[in-house]
């Protein structure tokens, strides 16, 4: 029977890490998780939070799920889609609609296609 070699724990400026596939894995403290949740509820994106806390996007999502945080819907709301359809019918460009609604032009296009106001 072989014995597993015990290595000293890896640490960096963020705290204790474990090694897996040559990539350090950072564990967030409960205070950091609380700040992460507060930041998300304040409107910061999952991608931004992953970068800010030095963890993977999936880690951010798992912390949000564990803390029973409802996830924001991607895309436009029903009211925003109705507004986009109205503006598009009035001859306004998708770029201008996107700027008006504060979203990406691709979201506007996808919403217009889904609403039947634009062909694929």
PDB file of N, CA and C in Angstrom:
ATOM      1  N   UNK A   1       0.841  -1.164   0.000  1.00  0.00           N
ATOM      2  CA  UNK A   1       0.000   0.000   0.000  1.00  0.00           C
ATOM      3  C   UNK A   1       0.895   1.239   0.000  1.00  0.00           C
ATOM      4  N   UNK A   2       0.635   2.163  -0.927  1.00  0.00           N
ATOM      5  CA  UNK A   2       1.453   3.362  -0.995  1.00  0.00           C
ATOM      6  C   UNK A   2       0.872   4.464  -0.116  1.00  0.00           C
ATOM      7  N   UNK A   3       1.747   5.274   0.359  1.00  0.00           N
ATOM      8  CA  UNK A   3       1.333   6.386   1.201  1.00  0.00           C
ATOM      9  C   UNK A   3       1.288   7.660   0.362  1.00  0.00           C
ATOM     10  N   UNK A   4       0.263   8.433   0.584  1.00  0.00           N
ATOM     11  CA  UNK A   4       0.145   9.715  -0.101  1.00  0.00           C
ATOM     12  C   UNK A   4       1.119  10.701   0.534  1.00  0.00           C
ATOM     13  N   UNK A   5       1.845  11.421  -0.308  1.00  0.00           N
ATOM     14  CA  UNK A   5       2.796  12.408   0.176  1.00  0.00           C
ATOM     15  C   UNK A   5       2.032  13.649   0.609  1.00  0.00           C
ATOM     16  N   UNK A   6       2.298  14.099   1.816  1.00  0.00           N
ATOM     17  CA  UNK A   6       1.629  15.299   2.327  1.00  0.00           C
ATOM     18  C   UNK A   6       2.545  16.489   2.069  1.00  0.00           C
ATOM     19  N   UNK A   7       2.058  17.419   1.283  1.00  0.00           N
ATOM     20  CA  UNK A   7       2.809  18.644   1.006  1.00  0.00           C
ATOM     21  C   UNK A   7       2.357  19.743   1.937  1.00  0.00           C
ATOM     22  N   UNK A   8       3.243  20.681   2.177  1.00  0.00           N
ATOM     23  CA  UNK A   8       2.864  21.845   2.965  1.00  0.00           C
ATOM     24  C   UNK A   8       1.781  22.616   2.228  1.00  0.00           C
ATOM     25  N   UNK A   9       0.822  23.205   2.951  1.00  0.00           N
ATOM     26  CA  UNK A   9      -0.229  23.966   2.280  1.00  0.00           C
ATOM     27  C   UNK A   9       0.354  25.173   1.550  1.00  0.00           C
ATOM     28  N   UNK A  10      -0.243  25.468   0.425  1.00  0.00           N
ATOM     29  CA  UNK A  10       0.187  26.607  -0.385  1.00  0.00           C
ATOM     30  C   UNK A  10      -0.544  27.846   0.109  1.00  0.00           C
ATOM     31  N   UNK A  11       0.176  28.966   0.189  1.00  0.00           N
ATOM     32  CA  UNK A  11      -0.463  30.218   0.591  1.00  0.00           C
ATOM     33  C   UNK A  11       0.005  31.311  -0.338  1.00  0.00           C
ATOM     34  N   UNK A  12      -0.893  32.269  -0.570  1.00  0.00           N
ATOM     35  CA  UNK A  12      -0.510  33.480  -1.272  1.00  0.00           C
ATOM     36  C   UNK A  12      -1.088  34.653  -0.495  1.00  0.00           C
ATOM     37  N   UNK A  13      -1.067  35.839  -1.071  1.00  0.00           N
ATOM     38  CA  UNK A  13      -1.531  37.027  -0.358  1.00  0.00           C
ATOM     39  C   UNK A  13      -3.015  36.973  -0.037  1.00  0.00           C
ATOM     40  N   UNK A  14      -3.786  36.118  -0.767  1.00  0.00           N
ATOM     41  CA  UNK A  14      -5.228  36.029  -0.545  1.00  0.00           C
ATOM     42  C   UNK A  14      -5.590  35.026   0.534  1.00  0.00           C
ATOM     43  N   UNK A  15      -4.663  34.162   0.934  1.00  0.00           N
ATOM     44  CA  UNK A  15      -4.958  33.187   1.965  1.00  0.00           C
ATOM     45  C   UNK A  15      -4.586  31.781   1.542  1.00  0.00           C
ATOM     46  N   UNK A  16      -5.109  30.762   2.268  1.00  0.00           N
ATOM     47  CA  UNK A  16      -4.747  29.379   1.971  1.00  0.00           C
ATOM     48  C   UNK A  16      -5.292  28.925   0.615  1.00  0.00           C
ATOM     49  N   UNK A  17      -4.493  28.140  -0.080  1.00  0.00           N
ATOM     50  CA  UNK A  17      -4.871  27.604  -1.385  1.00  0.00           C
ATOM     51  C   UNK A  17      -4.584  26.110  -1.394  1.00  0.00           C
ATOM     52  N   UNK A  18      -5.234  25.415  -2.308  1.00  0.00           N
ATOM     53  CA  UNK A  18      -4.892  24.021  -2.555  1.00  0.00           C
ATOM     54  C   UNK A  18      -4.504  23.911  -4.011  1.00  0.00           C
ATOM     55  N   UNK A  19      -3.686  22.937  -4.320  1.00  0.00           N
ATOM     56  CA  UNK A  19      -3.232  22.794  -5.699  1.00  0.00           C
ATOM     57  C   UNK A  19      -4.057  21.723  -6.384  1.00  0.00           C
ATOM     58  N   UNK A  20      -4.528  22.049  -7.573  1.00  0.00           N
ATOM     59  CA  UNK A  20      -5.255  21.094  -8.398  1.00  0.00           C
ATOM     60  C   UNK A  20      -4.952  21.431  -9.840  1.00  0.00           C
ATOM     61  N   UNK A  21      -4.382  20.519 -10.547  1.00  0.00           N
ATOM     62  CA  UNK A  21      -4.040  20.737 -11.952  1.00  0.00           C
ATOM     63  C   UNK A  21      -3.171  21.976 -12.146  1.00  0.00           C
ATOM     64  N   UNK A  22      -2.242  22.168 -11.238  1.00  0.00           N
ATOM     65  CA  UNK A  22      -1.274  23.264 -11.325  1.00  0.00           C
ATOM     66  C   UNK A  22      -1.903  24.653 -11.222  1.00  0.00           C
ATOM     67  N   UNK A  23      -3.141  24.760 -10.762  1.00  0.00           N
ATOM     68  CA  UNK A  23      -3.769  26.069 -10.578  1.00  0.00           C
ATOM     69  C   UNK A  23      -4.140  26.222  -9.109  1.00  0.00           C
ATOM     70  N   UNK A  24      -3.757  27.320  -8.494  1.00  0.00           N
ATOM     71  CA  UNK A  24      -4.155  27.516  -7.100  1.00  0.00           C
ATOM     72  C   UNK A  24      -5.651  27.783  -6.998  1.00  0.00           C
ATOM     73  N   UNK A  25      -6.269  27.274  -5.949  1.00  0.00           N
ATOM     74  CA  UNK A  25      -7.685  27.478  -5.716  1.00  0.00           C
ATOM     75  C   UNK A  25      -7.813  28.309  -4.450  1.00  0.00           C
ATOM     76  N   UNK A  26      -8.453  29.445  -4.557  1.00  0.00           N
ATOM     77  CA  UNK A  26      -8.577  30.347  -3.427  1.00  0.00           C
ATOM     78  C   UNK A  26      -9.913  30.147  -2.736  1.00  0.00           C
ATOM     79  N   UNK A  27      -9.882  30.065  -1.420  1.00  0.00           N
ATOM     80  CA  UNK A  27     -11.100  29.972  -0.626  1.00  0.00           C
ATOM     81  C   UNK A  27     -11.425  31.355  -0.083  1.00  0.00           C
ATOM     82  N   UNK A  28     -12.665  31.784  -0.254  1.00  0.00           N
ATOM     83  CA  UNK A  28     -13.086  33.071   0.278  1.00  0.00           C
ATOM     84  C   UNK A  28     -13.536  32.900   1.725  1.00  0.00           C
ATOM     85  N   UNK A  29     -13.235  33.888   2.535  1.00  0.00           N
ATOM     86  CA  UNK A  29     -13.710  33.869   3.918  1.00  0.00           C
ATOM     87  C   UNK A  29     -15.200  34.183   3.919  1.00  0.00           C
ATOM     88  N   UNK A  30     -15.848  33.939   5.033  1.00  0.00           N
ATOM     89  CA  UNK A  30     -17.284  34.233   5.105  1.00  0.00           C
ATOM     90  C   UNK A  30     -17.539  35.732   4.940  1.00  0.00           C
ATOM     91  N   UNK A  31     -16.625  36.567   5.416  1.00  0.00           N
ATOM     92  CA  UNK A  31     -16.776  38.011   5.239  1.00  0.00           C
ATOM     93  C   UNK A  31     -16.662  38.393   3.761  1.00  0.00           C
ATOM     94  N   UNK A  32     -15.731  37.741   3.041  1.00  0.00           N
ATOM     95  CA  UNK A  32     -15.587  38.009   1.615  1.00  0.00           C
ATOM     96  C   UNK A  32     -16.814  37.547   0.835  1.00  0.00           C
ATOM     97  N   UNK A  33     -17.379  36.404   1.231  1.00  0.00           N
ATOM     98  CA  UNK A  33     -18.591  35.911   0.569  1.00  0.00           C
ATOM     99  C   UNK A  33     -19.737  36.891   0.809  1.00  0.00           C
ATOM    100  N   UNK A  34     -19.833  37.410   2.027  1.00  0.00           N
ATOM    101  CA  UNK A  34     -20.879  38.404   2.328  1.00  0.00           C
ATOM    102  C   UNK A  34     -20.709  39.648   1.467  1.00  0.00           C
ATOM    103  N   UNK A  35     -19.467  40.104   1.314  1.00  0.00           N
ATOM    104  CA  UNK A  35     -19.211  41.285   0.459  1.00  0.00           C
ATOM    105  C   UNK A  35     -19.531  40.972  -0.996  1.00  0.00           C
ATOM    106  N   UNK A  36     -19.178  39.764  -1.444  1.00  0.00           N
ATOM    107  CA  UNK A  36     -19.468  39.339  -2.809  1.00  0.00           C
ATOM    108  C   UNK A  36     -20.978  39.378  -3.061  1.00  0.00           C
ATOM    109  N   UNK A  37     -21.764  38.839  -2.133  1.00  0.00           N
ATOM    110  CA  UNK A  37     -23.226  38.835  -2.268  1.00  0.00           C
ATOM    111  C   UNK A  37     -23.746  40.268  -2.291  1.00  0.00           C
ATOM    112  N   UNK A  38     -23.255  41.099  -1.387  1.00  0.00           N
ATOM    113  CA  UNK A  38     -23.684  42.509  -1.361  1.00  0.00           C
ATOM    114  C   UNK A  38     -23.343  43.213  -2.666  1.00  0.00           C
ATOM    115  N   UNK A  39     -22.162  42.942  -3.199  1.00  0.00           N
ATOM    116  CA  UNK A  39     -21.751  43.558  -4.468  1.00  0.00           C
ATOM    117  C   UNK A  39     -22.668  43.119  -5.608  1.00  0.00           C
ATOM    118  N   UNK A  40     -23.028  41.829  -5.617  1.00  0.00           N
ATOM    119  CA  UNK A  40     -23.929  41.331  -6.661  1.00  0.00           C
ATOM    120  C   UNK A  40     -25.294  42.002  -6.545  1.00  0.00           C
ATOM    121  N   UNK A  41     -25.801  42.093  -5.329  1.00  0.00           N
ATOM    122  CA  UNK A  41     -27.103  42.724  -5.116  1.00  0.00           C
ATOM    123  C   UNK A  41     -27.066  44.210  -5.450  1.00  0.00           C
ATOM    124  N   UNK A  42     -25.876  44.805  -5.391  1.00  0.00           N
ATOM    125  CA  UNK A  42     -25.719  46.216  -5.757  1.00  0.00           C
ATOM    126  C   UNK A  42     -25.651  46.409  -7.270  1.00  0.00           C
ATOM    127  N   UNK A  43     -25.610  45.287  -8.026  1.00  0.00           N
ATOM    128  CA  UNK A  43     -25.662  45.392  -9.475  1.00  0.00           C
ATOM    129  C   UNK A  43     -24.411  44.985 -10.229  1.00  0.00           C
ATOM    130  N   UNK A  44     -23.366  44.569  -9.529  1.00  0.00           N
ATOM    131  CA  UNK A  44     -22.147  44.158 -10.221  1.00  0.00           C
ATOM    132  C   UNK A  44     -22.349  42.800 -10.884  1.00  0.00           C
ATOM    133  N   UNK A  45     -21.694  42.591 -12.012  1.00  0.00           N
ATOM    134  CA  UNK A  45     -21.857  41.352 -12.776  1.00  0.00           C
ATOM    135  C   UNK A  45     -21.036  40.212 -12.175  1.00  0.00           C
ATOM    136  N   UNK A  46     -21.433  38.992 -12.522  1.00  0.00           N
ATOM    137  CA  UNK A  46     -20.715  37.795 -12.063  1.00  0.00           C
ATOM    138  C   UNK A  46     -19.276  37.824 -12.576  1.00  0.00           C
ATOM    139  N   UNK A  47     -19.093  38.196 -13.836  1.00  0.00           N
ATOM    140  CA  UNK A  47     -17.750  38.267 -14.410  1.00  0.00           C
ATOM    141  C   UNK A  47     -16.858  39.261 -13.689  1.00  0.00           C
ATOM    142  N   UNK A  48     -17.409  40.424 -13.369  1.00  0.00           N
ATOM    143  CA  UNK A  48     -16.641  41.436 -12.654  1.00  0.00           C
ATOM    144  C   UNK A  48     -16.279  40.945 -11.250  1.00  0.00           C
ATOM    145  N   UNK A  49     -17.247  40.312 -10.573  1.00  0.00           N
ATOM    146  CA  UNK A  49     -16.992  39.810  -9.219  1.00  0.00           C
ATOM    147  C   UNK A  49     -15.939  38.712  -9.217  1.00  0.00           C
ATOM    148  N   UNK A  50     -15.960  37.854 -10.238  1.00  0.00           N
ATOM    149  CA  UNK A  50     -14.946  36.798 -10.336  1.00  0.00           C
ATOM    150  C   UNK A  50     -13.563  37.418 -10.423  1.00  0.00           C
ATOM    151  N   UNK A  51     -13.442  38.452 -11.220  1.00  0.00           N
ATOM    152  CA  UNK A  51     -12.155  39.133 -11.375  1.00  0.00           C
ATOM    153  C   UNK A  51     -11.774  39.853 -10.079  1.00  0.00           C
ATOM    154  N   UNK A  52     -12.717  40.532  -9.465  1.00  0.00           N
ATOM    155  CA  UNK A  52     -12.455  41.297  -8.245  1.00  0.00           C
ATOM    156  C   UNK A  52     -11.985  40.414  -7.090  1.00  0.00           C
ATOM    157  N   UNK A  53     -12.608  39.232  -6.928  1.00  0.00           N
ATOM    158  CA  UNK A  53     -12.282  38.352  -5.813  1.00  0.00           C
ATOM    159  C   UNK A  53     -11.267  37.273  -6.169  1.00  0.00           C
ATOM    160  N   UNK A  54     -10.830  37.236  -7.424  1.00  0.00           N
ATOM    161  CA  UNK A  54      -9.797  36.288  -7.827  1.00  0.00           C
ATOM    162  C   UNK A  54     -10.267  34.849  -7.853  1.00  0.00           C
ATOM    163  N   UNK A  55     -11.533  34.632  -8.206  1.00  0.00           N
ATOM    164  CA  UNK A  55     -12.092  33.291  -8.286  1.00  0.00           C
ATOM    165  C   UNK A  55     -12.745  33.096  -9.650  1.00  0.00           C
ATOM    166  N   UNK A  56     -13.174  31.878  -9.939  1.00  0.00           N
ATOM    167  CA  UNK A  56     -13.831  31.570 -11.205  1.00  0.00           C
ATOM    168  C   UNK A  56     -15.288  32.027 -11.161  1.00  0.00           C
ATOM    169  N   UNK A  57     -15.856  32.307 -12.338  1.00  0.00           N
ATOM    170  CA  UNK A  57     -17.259  32.718 -12.426  1.00  0.00           C
ATOM    171  C   UNK A  57     -18.188  31.685 -11.791  1.00  0.00           C
ATOM    172  N   UNK A  58     -17.875  30.414 -11.978  1.00  0.00           N
ATOM    173  CA  UNK A  58     -18.713  29.354 -11.400  1.00  0.00           C
ATOM    174  C   UNK A  58     -18.680  29.412  -9.871  1.00  0.00           C
ATOM    175  N   UNK A  59     -17.545  29.804  -9.309  1.00  0.00           N
ATOM    176  CA  UNK A  59     -17.424  29.936  -7.857  1.00  0.00           C
ATOM    177  C   UNK A  59     -18.336  31.047  -7.361  1.00  0.00           C
ATOM    178  N   UNK A  60     -18.348  32.167  -8.078  1.00  0.00           N
ATOM    179  CA  UNK A  60     -19.237  33.277  -7.716  1.00  0.00           C
ATOM    180  C   UNK A  60     -20.686  32.793  -7.750  1.00  0.00           C
ATOM    181  N   UNK A  61     -21.063  32.100  -8.817  1.00  0.00           N
ATOM    182  CA  UNK A  61     -22.430  31.600  -8.950  1.00  0.00           C
ATOM    183  C   UNK A  61     -22.794  30.643  -7.818  1.00  0.00           C
ATOM    184  N   UNK A  62     -21.859  29.781  -7.452  1.00  0.00           N
ATOM    185  CA  UNK A  62     -22.146  28.831  -6.368  1.00  0.00           C
ATOM    186  C   UNK A  62     -22.330  29.540  -5.031  1.00  0.00           C
ATOM    187  N   UNK A  63     -21.518  30.569  -4.774  1.00  0.00           N
ATOM    188  CA  UNK A  63     -21.690  31.335  -3.530  1.00  0.00           C
ATOM    189  C   UNK A  63     -23.046  32.030  -3.519  1.00  0.00           C
ATOM    190  N   UNK A  64     -23.475  32.557  -4.657  1.00  0.00           N
ATOM    191  CA  UNK A  64     -24.783  33.218  -4.734  1.00  0.00           C
ATOM    192  C   UNK A  64     -25.899  32.207  -4.491  1.00  0.00           C
ATOM    193  N   UNK A  65     -25.779  31.022  -5.085  1.00  0.00           N
ATOM    194  CA  UNK A  65     -26.791  29.975  -4.911  1.00  0.00           C
ATOM    195  C   UNK A  65     -26.856  29.525  -3.457  1.00  0.00           C
ATOM    196  N   UNK A  66     -25.679  29.312  -2.834  1.00  0.00           N
ATOM    197  CA  UNK A  66     -25.640  28.879  -1.433  1.00  0.00           C
ATOM    198  C   UNK A  66     -26.264  29.903  -0.495  1.00  0.00           C
ATOM    199  N   UNK A  67     -26.223  31.181  -0.907  1.00  0.00           N
ATOM    200  CA  UNK A  67     -26.785  32.247  -0.076  1.00  0.00           C
ATOM    201  C   UNK A  67     -28.201  32.627  -0.507  1.00  0.00           C
ATOM    202  N   UNK A  68     -28.826  31.762  -1.324  1.00  0.00           N
ATOM    203  CA  UNK A  68     -30.210  31.958  -1.769  1.00  0.00           C
ATOM    204  C   UNK A  68     -30.448  33.316  -2.420  1.00  0.00           C
ATOM    205  N   UNK A  69     -29.490  33.739  -3.220  1.00  0.00           N
ATOM    206  CA  UNK A  69     -29.612  35.008  -3.931  1.00  0.00           C
ATOM    207  C   UNK A  69     -30.248  34.734  -5.284  1.00  0.00           C
ATOM    208  N   UNK A  70     -31.367  35.398  -5.564  1.00  0.00           N
ATOM    209  CA  UNK A  70     -32.024  35.257  -6.854  1.00  0.00           C
ATOM    210  C   UNK A  70     -31.149  35.849  -7.949  1.00  0.00           C
ATOM    211  N   UNK A  71     -31.042  35.152  -9.055  1.00  0.00           N
ATOM    212  CA  UNK A  71     -30.195  35.603 -10.157  1.00  0.00           C
ATOM    213  C   UNK A  71     -30.953  36.569 -11.033  1.00  0.00           C
ATOM    214  N   UNK A  72     -30.250  37.550 -11.546  1.00  0.00           N
ATOM    215  CA  UNK A  72     -30.850  38.521 -12.458  1.00  0.00           C
ATOM    216  C   UNK A  72     -31.147  37.849 -13.784  1.00  0.00           C
ATOM    217  N   UNK A  73     -32.237  38.245 -14.389  1.00  0.00           N
ATOM    218  CA  UNK A  73     -32.586  37.741 -15.701  1.00  0.00           C
ATOM    219  C   UNK A  73     -31.714  38.402 -16.746  1.00  0.00           C
ATOM    220  N   UNK A  74     -31.284  37.622 -17.718  1.00  0.00           N
ATOM    221  CA  UNK A  74     -30.510  38.179 -18.821  1.00  0.00           C
ATOM    222  C   UNK A  74     -31.484  38.682 -19.872  1.00  0.00           C
ATOM    223  N   UNK A  75     -31.103  39.704 -20.574  1.00  0.00           N
ATOM    224  CA  UNK A  75     -31.938  40.213 -21.651  1.00  0.00           C
ATOM    225  C   UNK A  75     -32.887  41.294 -21.182  1.00  0.00           C
ATOM    226  N   UNK A  76     -33.869  41.564 -22.002  1.00  0.00           N
ATOM    227  CA  UNK A  76     -34.804  42.646 -21.739  1.00  0.00           C
ATOM    228  C   UNK A  76     -36.038  42.154 -21.001  1.00  0.00           C
ATOM    229  N   UNK A  77     -36.630  43.040 -20.213  1.00  0.00           N
ATOM    230  CA  UNK A  77     -37.895  42.724 -19.565  1.00  0.00           C
ATOM    231  C   UNK A  77     -39.009  42.814 -20.599  1.00  0.00           C
ATOM    232  N   UNK A  78     -40.195  42.356 -20.236  1.00  0.00           N
ATOM    233  CA  UNK A  78     -41.339  42.401 -21.153  1.00  0.00           C
ATOM    234  C   UNK A  78     -41.640  43.844 -21.554  1.00  0.00           C
ATOM    235  N   UNK A  79     -41.578  44.772 -20.595  1.00  0.00           N
ATOM    236  CA  UNK A  79     -41.834  46.183 -20.905  1.00  0.00           C
ATOM    237  C   UNK A  79     -40.770  46.747 -21.844  1.00  0.00           C
ATOM    238  N   UNK A  80     -39.513  46.354 -21.612  1.00  0.00           N
ATOM    239  CA  UNK A  80     -38.438  46.831 -22.491  1.00  0.00           C
ATOM    240  C   UNK A  80     -38.575  46.256 -23.895  1.00  0.00           C
ATOM    241  N   UNK A  81     -39.013  45.003 -24.005  1.00  0.00           N
ATOM    242  CA  UNK A  81     -39.222  44.410 -25.328  1.00  0.00           C
ATOM    243  C   UNK A  81     -40.328  45.158 -26.064  1.00  0.00           C
ATOM    244  N   UNK A  82     -41.407  45.467 -25.351  1.00  0.00           N
ATOM    245  CA  UNK A  82     -42.511  46.220 -25.969  1.00  0.00           C
ATOM    246  C   UNK A  82     -42.024  47.585 -26.442  1.00  0.00           C
ATOM    247  N   UNK A  83     -41.201  48.241 -25.646  1.00  0.00           N
ATOM    248  CA  UNK A  83     -40.639  49.540 -26.025  1.00  0.00           C
ATOM    249  C   UNK A  83     -39.733  49.399 -27.238  1.00  0.00           C
ATOM    250  N   UNK A  84     -38.913  48.348 -27.254  1.00  0.00           N
ATOM    251  CA  UNK A  84     -38.007  48.112 -28.384  1.00  0.00           C
ATOM    252  C   UNK A  84     -38.800  47.872 -29.662  1.00  0.00           C
ATOM    253  N   UNK A  85     -39.873  47.080 -29.583  1.00  0.00           N
ATOM    254  CA  UNK A  85     -40.716  46.807 -30.754  1.00  0.00           C
ATOM    255  C   UNK A  85     -41.342  48.101 -31.256  1.00  0.00           C
ATOM    256  N   UNK A  86     -41.828  48.919 -30.338  1.00  0.00           N
ATOM    257  CA  UNK A  86     -42.450  50.207 -30.700  1.00  0.00           C
ATOM    258  C   UNK A  86     -41.432  51.123 -31.381  1.00  0.00           C
ATOM    259  N   UNK A  87     -40.235  51.229 -30.802  1.00  0.00           N
ATOM    260  CA  UNK A  87     -39.194  52.086 -31.375  1.00  0.00           C
ATOM    261  C   UNK A  87     -38.739  51.560 -32.735  1.00  0.00           C
ATOM    262  N   UNK A  88     -38.586  50.253 -32.845  1.00  0.00           N
ATOM    263  CA  UNK A  88     -38.161  49.653 -34.109  1.00  0.00           C
ATOM    264  C   UNK A  88     -39.218  49.887 -35.194  1.00  0.00           C
ATOM    265  N   UNK A  89     -40.489  49.751 -34.820  1.00  0.00           N
ATOM    266  CA  UNK A  89     -41.581  50.020 -35.760  1.00  0.00           C
ATOM    267  C   UNK A  89     -41.609  51.471 -36.211  1.00  0.00           C
ATOM    268  N   UNK A  90     -41.092  52.358 -35.375  1.00  0.00           N
ATOM    269  CA  UNK A  90     -41.026  53.784 -35.708  1.00  0.00           C
ATOM    270  C   UNK A  90     -39.783  54.154 -36.508  1.00  0.00           C
ATOM    271  N   UNK A  91     -38.976  53.145 -36.865  1.00  0.00           N
ATOM    272  CA  UNK A  91     -37.816  53.405 -37.708  1.00  0.00           C
ATOM    273  C   UNK A  91     -36.519  53.693 -36.960  1.00  0.00           C
ATOM    274  N   UNK A  92     -36.513  53.482 -35.662  1.00  0.00           N
ATOM    275  CA  UNK A  92     -35.302  53.725 -34.865  1.00  0.00           C
ATOM    276  C   UNK A  92     -34.365  52.523 -35.023  1.00  0.00           C
ATOM    277  N   UNK A  93     -33.077  52.799 -35.160  1.00  0.00           N
ATOM    278  CA  UNK A  93     -32.098  51.725 -35.349  1.00  0.00           C
ATOM    279  C   UNK A  93     -31.923  50.906 -34.073  1.00  0.00           C
ATOM    280  N   UNK A  94     -31.452  49.666 -34.253  1.00  0.00           N
ATOM    281  CA  UNK A  94     -31.202  48.805 -33.093  1.00  0.00           C
ATOM    282  C   UNK A  94     -30.128  49.401 -32.187  1.00  0.00           C
ATOM    283  N   UNK A  95     -29.155  50.055 -32.787  1.00  0.00           N
ATOM    284  CA  UNK A  95     -28.098  50.685 -31.995  1.00  0.00           C
ATOM    285  C   UNK A  95     -28.663  51.783 -31.104  1.00  0.00           C
ATOM    286  N   UNK A  96     -29.554  52.599 -31.677  1.00  0.00           N
ATOM    287  CA  UNK A  96     -30.177  53.684 -30.911  1.00  0.00           C
ATOM    288  C   UNK A  96     -31.099  53.122 -29.825  1.00  0.00           C
ATOM    289  N   UNK A  97     -31.819  52.039 -30.145  1.00  0.00           N
ATOM    290  CA  UNK A  97     -32.688  51.394 -29.153  1.00  0.00           C
ATOM    291  C   UNK A  97     -31.845  50.851 -28.004  1.00  0.00           C
ATOM    292  N   UNK A  98     -30.728  50.221 -28.341  1.00  0.00           N
ATOM    293  CA  UNK A  98     -29.826  49.685 -27.315  1.00  0.00           C
ATOM    294  C   UNK A  98     -29.320  50.787 -26.398  1.00  0.00           C
ATOM    295  N   UNK A  99     -28.941  51.912 -26.981  1.00  0.00           N
ATOM    296  CA  UNK A  99     -28.474  53.037 -26.164  1.00  0.00           C
ATOM    297  C   UNK A  99     -29.592  53.573 -25.273  1.00  0.00           C
ATOM    298  N   UNK A 100     -30.801  53.646 -25.817  1.00  0.00           N
ATOM    299  CA  UNK A 100     -31.944  54.138 -25.054  1.00  0.00           C
ATOM    300  C   UNK A 100     -32.251  53.232 -23.865  1.00  0.00           C
ATOM    301  N   UNK A 101     -32.206  51.923 -24.094  1.00  0.00           N
ATOM    302  CA  UNK A 101     -32.546  50.961 -23.041  1.00  0.00           C
ATOM    303  C   UNK A 101     -31.365  50.589 -22.159  1.00  0.00           C
ATOM    304  N   UNK A 102     -30.156  50.993 -22.561  1.00  0.00           N
ATOM    305  CA  UNK A 102     -28.965  50.698 -21.759  1.00  0.00           C
ATOM    306  C   UNK A 102     -28.541  49.241 -21.806  1.00  0.00           C
ATOM    307  N   UNK A 103     -28.748  48.606 -22.971  1.00  0.00           N
ATOM    308  CA  UNK A 103     -28.364  47.204 -23.141  1.00  0.00           C
ATOM    309  C   UNK A 103     -27.535  47.064 -24.410  1.00  0.00           C
ATOM    310  N   UNK A 104     -27.056  45.865 -24.653  1.00  0.00           N
ATOM    311  CA  UNK A 104     -26.273  45.578 -25.838  1.00  0.00           C
ATOM    312  C   UNK A 104     -27.183  45.465 -27.065  1.00  0.00           C
ATOM    313  N   UNK A 105     -26.681  45.850 -28.218  1.00  0.00           N
ATOM    314  CA  UNK A 105     -27.445  45.793 -29.469  1.00  0.00           C
ATOM    315  C   UNK A 105     -27.881  44.362 -29.775  1.00  0.00           C
ATOM    316  N   UNK A 106     -27.057  43.383 -29.430  1.00  0.00           N
ATOM    317  CA  UNK A 106     -27.403  41.985 -29.690  1.00  0.00           C
ATOM    318  C   UNK A 106     -28.619  41.550 -28.874  1.00  0.00           C
ATOM    319  N   UNK A 107     -28.755  42.078 -27.661  1.00  0.00           N
ATOM    320  CA  UNK A 107     -29.933  41.769 -26.849  1.00  0.00           C
ATOM    321  C   UNK A 107     -31.188  42.355 -27.486  1.00  0.00           C
ATOM    322  N   UNK A 108     -31.061  43.558 -28.039  1.00  0.00           N
ATOM    323  CA  UNK A 108     -32.198  44.186 -28.714  1.00  0.00           C
ATOM    324  C   UNK A 108     -32.603  43.339 -29.906  1.00  0.00           C
ATOM    325  N   UNK A 109     -31.624  42.934 -30.710  1.00  0.00           N
ATOM    326  CA  UNK A 109     -31.924  42.138 -31.900  1.00  0.00           C
ATOM    327  C   UNK A 109     -32.585  40.819 -31.535  1.00  0.00           C
ATOM    328  N   UNK A 110     -32.047  40.121 -30.550  1.00  0.00           N
ATOM    329  CA  UNK A 110     -32.623  38.845 -30.125  1.00  0.00           C
ATOM    330  C   UNK A 110     -34.055  39.025 -29.632  1.00  0.00           C
ATOM    331  N   UNK A 111     -34.303  40.101 -28.902  1.00  0.00           N
ATOM    332  CA  UNK A 111     -35.652  40.371 -28.395  1.00  0.00           C
ATOM    333  C   UNK A 111     -36.615  40.695 -29.527  1.00  0.00           C
ATOM    334  N   UNK A 112     -36.154  41.464 -30.521  1.00  0.00           N
ATOM    335  CA  UNK A 112     -37.015  41.787 -31.665  1.00  0.00           C
ATOM    336  C   UNK A 112     -37.342  40.538 -32.474  1.00  0.00           C
ATOM    337  N   UNK A 113     -36.372  39.663 -32.662  1.00  0.00           N
ATOM    338  CA  UNK A 113     -36.604  38.406 -33.378  1.00  0.00           C
ATOM    339  C   UNK A 113     -37.605  37.538 -32.606  1.00  0.00           C
ATOM    340  N   UNK A 114     -37.410  37.418 -31.293  1.00  0.00           N
ATOM    341  CA  UNK A 114     -38.300  36.601 -30.457  1.00  0.00           C
ATOM    342  C   UNK A 114     -39.729  37.151 -30.453  1.00  0.00           C
ATOM    343  N   UNK A 115     -39.861  38.476 -30.560  1.00  0.00           N
ATOM    344  CA  UNK A 115     -41.183  39.098 -30.568  1.00  0.00           C
ATOM    345  C   UNK A 115     -41.825  39.084 -31.948  1.00  0.00           C
ATOM    346  N   UNK A 116     -41.064  38.640 -32.953  1.00  0.00           N
ATOM    347  CA  UNK A 116     -41.606  38.576 -34.309  1.00  0.00           C
ATOM    348  C   UNK A 116     -41.560  39.894 -35.061  1.00  0.00           C
ATOM    349  N   UNK A 117     -40.876  40.880 -34.496  1.00  0.00           N
ATOM    350  CA  UNK A 117     -40.795  42.183 -35.117  1.00  0.00           C
ATOM    351  C   UNK A 117     -39.651  42.276 -36.126  1.00  0.00           C
ATOM    352  N   UNK A 118     -38.822  41.246 -36.156  1.00  0.00           N
ATOM    353  CA  UNK A 118     -37.660  41.224 -37.037  1.00  0.00           C
ATOM    354  C   UNK A 118     -37.427  39.801 -37.487  1.00  0.00           C
ATOM    355  N   UNK A 119     -37.171  39.613 -38.770  1.00  0.00           N
ATOM    356  CA  UNK A 119     -36.914  38.245 -39.238  1.00  0.00           C
ATOM    357  C   UNK A 119     -35.453  37.880 -39.011  1.00  0.00           C
ATOM    358  N   UNK A 120     -35.198  36.601 -38.918  1.00  0.00           N
ATOM    359  CA  UNK A 120     -33.838  36.130 -38.664  1.00  0.00           C
ATOM    360  C   UNK A 120     -33.040  36.277 -39.877  1.00  0.00           C
TER     361      UNK A 120
END
